[in-house]
Amino acid sequence: MAGLVTAAPTVGAAAHDASDAAPDPASDAVERRLRALEDRAEITELIARYGPAVDRGDARAVAALWTDDGEYAFDDTVLDADGILTLVDLESHQEFLRRGCAHIVSAPTITIDGDTAVATTHSAVLAGSGELWEPARVSANRWELVRTTAGWRVHRRMNRLLDGSAAARALLDQAASDPLSP
């Protein structure tokens, strides 16, 4: 073909080593954006697994969402990792299971800072009542997550009933104004 120029591969000491190349800002930017998208997808998937796990009463699956030193605070209750493992055994949860229940969590708003992240969601627990489903709880949630060797895990979750109280509004306000502050 006329005008086609090809270069012969270089061998030996004159060979170009890719590690000697100057950093490519465009490639680095794409890599950061891809990592952020992967992190968001993994965090969203982690949070989405919560509802089906508690609705089927799977204590191990629920506990696997948290770090070994994780915490879950709701109402006047604070569960540590051992308590999270027994969450589905609480009488209030067993009553939901007897009635039929669906823990539904909204799509999260996620802020990531390195190996930590904060996600904010709404959640609703629907409980069976005859042939109807009734909302039993509607809450604001703050999920504090950390990247572990096993992937993203919940370090702390705060759940506040949306009952008109200042505590629930404050949780949602914090997500809007300064999501990463504790």
Protein backbone atom coordinates (compact mmCIF):
# COMPACT_ATOMS: atom_id res chain seq x y z
CA MET A 1 0.00 0.00 0.00
CA ALA A 2 1.36 3.36 -1.00
CA GLY A 3 2.04 5.76 1.84
CA LEU A 4 1.81 3.15 4.62
CA VAL A 5 4.78 3.31 6.95
CA THR A 6 5.32 0.71 9.62
CA ALA A 7 8.00 0.58 12.25
CA ALA A 8 9.90 -2.57 12.97
CA PRO A 9 9.69 -3.75 16.57
CA THR A 10 12.56 -2.55 18.71
CA VAL A 11 14.53 -5.13 20.64
CA GLY A 12 17.26 -5.17 23.24
CA ALA A 13 18.39 -2.10 25.18
CA ALA A 14 16.64 0.25 22.79
CA ALA A 15 13.21 -1.27 23.55
CA HIS A 16 10.69 1.12 25.09
CA ASP A 17 9.42 0.04 28.51
CA ALA A 18 5.81 1.17 29.14
CA SER A 19 6.70 1.88 32.78
CA ASP A 20 9.13 4.57 31.57
CA ALA A 21 6.33 6.44 29.82
CA ALA A 22 5.12 9.71 31.26
CA PRO A 23 1.81 9.42 33.10
CA ASP A 24 -1.15 9.91 30.82
CA PRO A 25 -3.55 12.36 32.53
CA ALA A 26 -6.45 11.30 30.32
CA SER A 27 -5.91 7.63 31.12
CA ASP A 28 -5.59 8.42 34.84
CA ALA A 29 -8.84 10.38 34.75
CA VAL A 30 -10.65 7.52 33.04
CA GLU A 31 -9.25 5.09 35.60
CA ARG A 32 -10.49 7.28 38.50
CA ARG A 33 -13.92 7.63 36.95
CA LEU A 34 -14.15 3.88 36.35
CA ARG A 35 -13.13 3.17 39.96
CA ALA A 36 -15.78 5.61 41.24
CA LEU A 37 -18.47 3.95 39.10
CA GLU A 38 -17.42 0.49 40.28
CA ASP A 39 -17.42 1.67 43.91
CA ARG A 40 -20.91 3.18 43.54
CA ALA A 41 -22.23 0.01 41.92
CA GLU A 42 -20.76 -2.18 44.67
CA ILE A 43 -22.12 0.05 47.46
CA THR A 44 -25.56 0.16 45.84
CA GLU A 45 -25.58 -3.64 45.49
CA LEU A 46 -24.47 -4.07 49.12
CA ILE A 47 -27.30 -1.88 50.41
CA ALA A 48 -29.82 -3.57 48.09
CA ARG A 49 -28.94 -6.99 49.57
CA TYR A 50 -30.10 -5.89 53.04
CA GLY A 51 -33.87 -6.10 52.43
CA PRO A 52 -34.02 -9.58 50.91
CA ALA A 53 -31.64 -10.91 53.60
CA VAL A 54 -33.75 -9.67 56.54
CA ASP A 55 -37.01 -10.62 54.78
CA ARG A 56 -35.89 -14.25 54.49
CA GLY A 57 -34.50 -14.24 58.05
CA ASP A 58 -30.91 -14.92 56.92
CA ALA A 59 -28.81 -13.74 59.88
CA ARG A 60 -25.47 -14.67 58.28
CA ALA A 61 -26.25 -12.76 55.08
CA VAL A 62 -27.26 -9.70 57.11
CA ALA A 63 -24.13 -9.85 59.27
CA ALA A 64 -21.92 -10.30 56.18
CA LEU A 65 -22.90 -6.81 55.03
CA TRP A 66 -21.15 -5.27 58.06
CA THR A 67 -17.52 -5.05 59.17
CA ASP A 68 -16.45 -7.18 62.13
CA ASP A 69 -16.70 -4.09 64.36
CA GLY A 70 -19.87 -2.79 62.72
CA GLU A 71 -22.81 -1.11 64.41
CA TYR A 72 -26.50 -0.63 63.63
CA ALA A 73 -28.45 2.04 65.52
CA PHE A 74 -32.23 2.28 65.26
CA ASP A 75 -34.84 3.70 67.63
CA ASP A 76 -33.28 3.33 71.10
CA THR A 77 -31.29 0.25 70.09
CA VAL A 78 -27.61 0.01 69.15
CA LEU A 79 -26.41 -3.37 67.93
CA ASP A 80 -22.75 -4.32 67.71
CA ALA A 81 -21.53 -7.06 65.35
CA ASP A 82 -22.86 -9.84 67.60
CA GLY A 83 -26.18 -8.04 67.89
CA ILE A 84 -26.43 -7.60 64.11
CA LEU A 85 -26.06 -11.37 63.79
CA THR A 86 -29.16 -11.74 66.00
CA LEU A 87 -31.19 -8.92 64.39
CA VAL A 88 -33.55 -11.30 62.60
CA ASP A 89 -34.18 -13.11 65.91
CA LEU A 90 -35.57 -10.01 67.65
CA GLU A 91 -39.23 -10.48 68.57
CA SER A 92 -40.23 -7.41 66.55
CA HIS A 93 -38.56 -8.86 63.46
CA GLN A 94 -40.01 -12.31 64.03
CA GLU A 95 -43.47 -10.69 64.12
CA PHE A 96 -42.75 -9.06 60.75
CA LEU A 97 -41.72 -12.45 59.35
CA ARG A 98 -44.91 -14.09 60.67
CA ARG A 99 -47.05 -11.39 59.04
CA GLY A 100 -45.00 -11.28 55.83
CA CYS A 101 -42.75 -8.30 55.28
CA ALA A 102 -40.78 -6.37 52.72
CA HIS A 103 -37.87 -4.12 53.71
CA ILE A 104 -37.58 -1.70 50.81
CA VAL A 105 -34.58 0.63 50.56
CA SER A 106 -34.45 3.56 48.15
CA ALA A 107 -31.61 4.18 45.74
CA PRO A 108 -28.74 5.66 47.75
CA THR A 109 -27.10 9.04 47.49
CA ILE A 110 -23.41 8.15 47.82
CA THR A 111 -20.36 10.26 48.70
CA ILE A 112 -17.00 8.50 48.44
CA ASP A 113 -13.70 9.67 49.92
CA GLY A 114 -10.95 7.16 49.25
CA ASP A 115 -11.70 4.02 51.24
CA THR A 116 -14.69 5.46 53.11
CA ALA A 117 -18.14 6.36 51.90
CA VAL A 118 -21.46 7.59 53.18
CA ALA A 119 -24.78 6.61 51.63
CA THR A 120 -28.15 8.10 52.51
CA THR A 121 -31.41 6.28 51.83
CA HIS A 122 -35.03 6.12 52.78
CA SER A 123 -36.42 2.78 53.86
CA ALA A 124 -39.88 1.41 54.33
CA VAL A 125 -40.97 -1.79 55.99
CA LEU A 126 -44.25 -3.11 54.63
CA ALA A 127 -46.03 -5.69 56.76
CA GLY A 128 -48.85 -7.98 55.77
CA SER A 129 -52.29 -7.31 57.19
CA GLY A 130 -54.75 -9.80 55.77
CA GLU A 131 -54.72 -9.29 52.03
CA LEU A 132 -53.19 -5.81 52.31
CA TRP A 133 -49.72 -4.48 52.99
CA GLU A 134 -49.32 -1.65 55.48
CA PRO A 135 -46.30 0.57 56.05
CA ALA A 136 -44.96 -0.40 59.47
CA ARG A 137 -41.87 1.87 59.40
CA VAL A 138 -40.62 4.65 57.18
CA SER A 139 -37.13 5.85 58.01
CA ALA A 140 -34.12 7.93 56.98
CA ASN A 141 -30.85 5.99 56.91
CA ARG A 142 -27.17 6.90 56.99
CA TRP A 143 -24.83 4.10 55.95
CA GLU A 144 -21.13 4.66 56.78
CA LEU A 145 -19.06 2.26 54.71
CA VAL A 146 -15.42 1.23 54.44
CA ARG A 147 -13.52 -0.57 51.74
CA THR A 148 -12.13 -3.87 53.08
CA THR A 149 -10.14 -6.64 51.45
CA ALA A 150 -13.51 -8.34 50.85
CA GLY A 151 -15.01 -5.21 49.24
CA TRP A 152 -17.22 -2.46 50.65
CA ARG A 153 -18.88 -3.17 54.02
CA VAL A 154 -21.14 -1.23 56.38
CA HIS A 155 -19.25 0.10 59.38
CA ARG A 156 -22.20 1.95 60.88
CA ARG A 157 -25.83 2.37 59.97
CA MET A 158 -28.14 4.88 61.62
CA ASN A 159 -31.87 4.50 61.04
CA ARG A 160 -34.24 7.23 62.23
CA LEU A 161 -38.03 7.06 61.94
CA LEU A 162 -39.49 9.78 59.75
CA ASP A 163 -41.97 10.69 62.47
CA GLY A 164 -41.54 14.46 62.28
CA SER A 165 -38.68 14.43 64.77
CA ALA A 166 -35.64 16.64 64.44
CA ALA A 167 -33.32 13.58 64.55
CA ALA A 168 -34.56 12.20 61.22
CA ARG A 169 -34.46 15.60 59.53
CA ALA A 170 -30.95 16.20 60.90
CA LEU A 171 -29.78 12.93 59.38
CA LEU A 172 -31.15 14.00 55.98
CA ASP A 173 -29.82 17.56 56.39
CA GLN A 174 -26.34 16.19 57.08
CA ALA A 175 -26.46 14.20 53.85
CA ALA A 176 -27.20 17.39 51.93
CA SER A 177 -24.71 19.68 53.67
CA ASP A 178 -21.71 17.63 54.84
CA PRO A 179 -22.21 13.93 54.10
CA LEU A 180 -18.78 12.72 55.25
CA SER A 181 -18.76 14.30 58.71
CA PRO A 182 -19.64 11.83 61.48
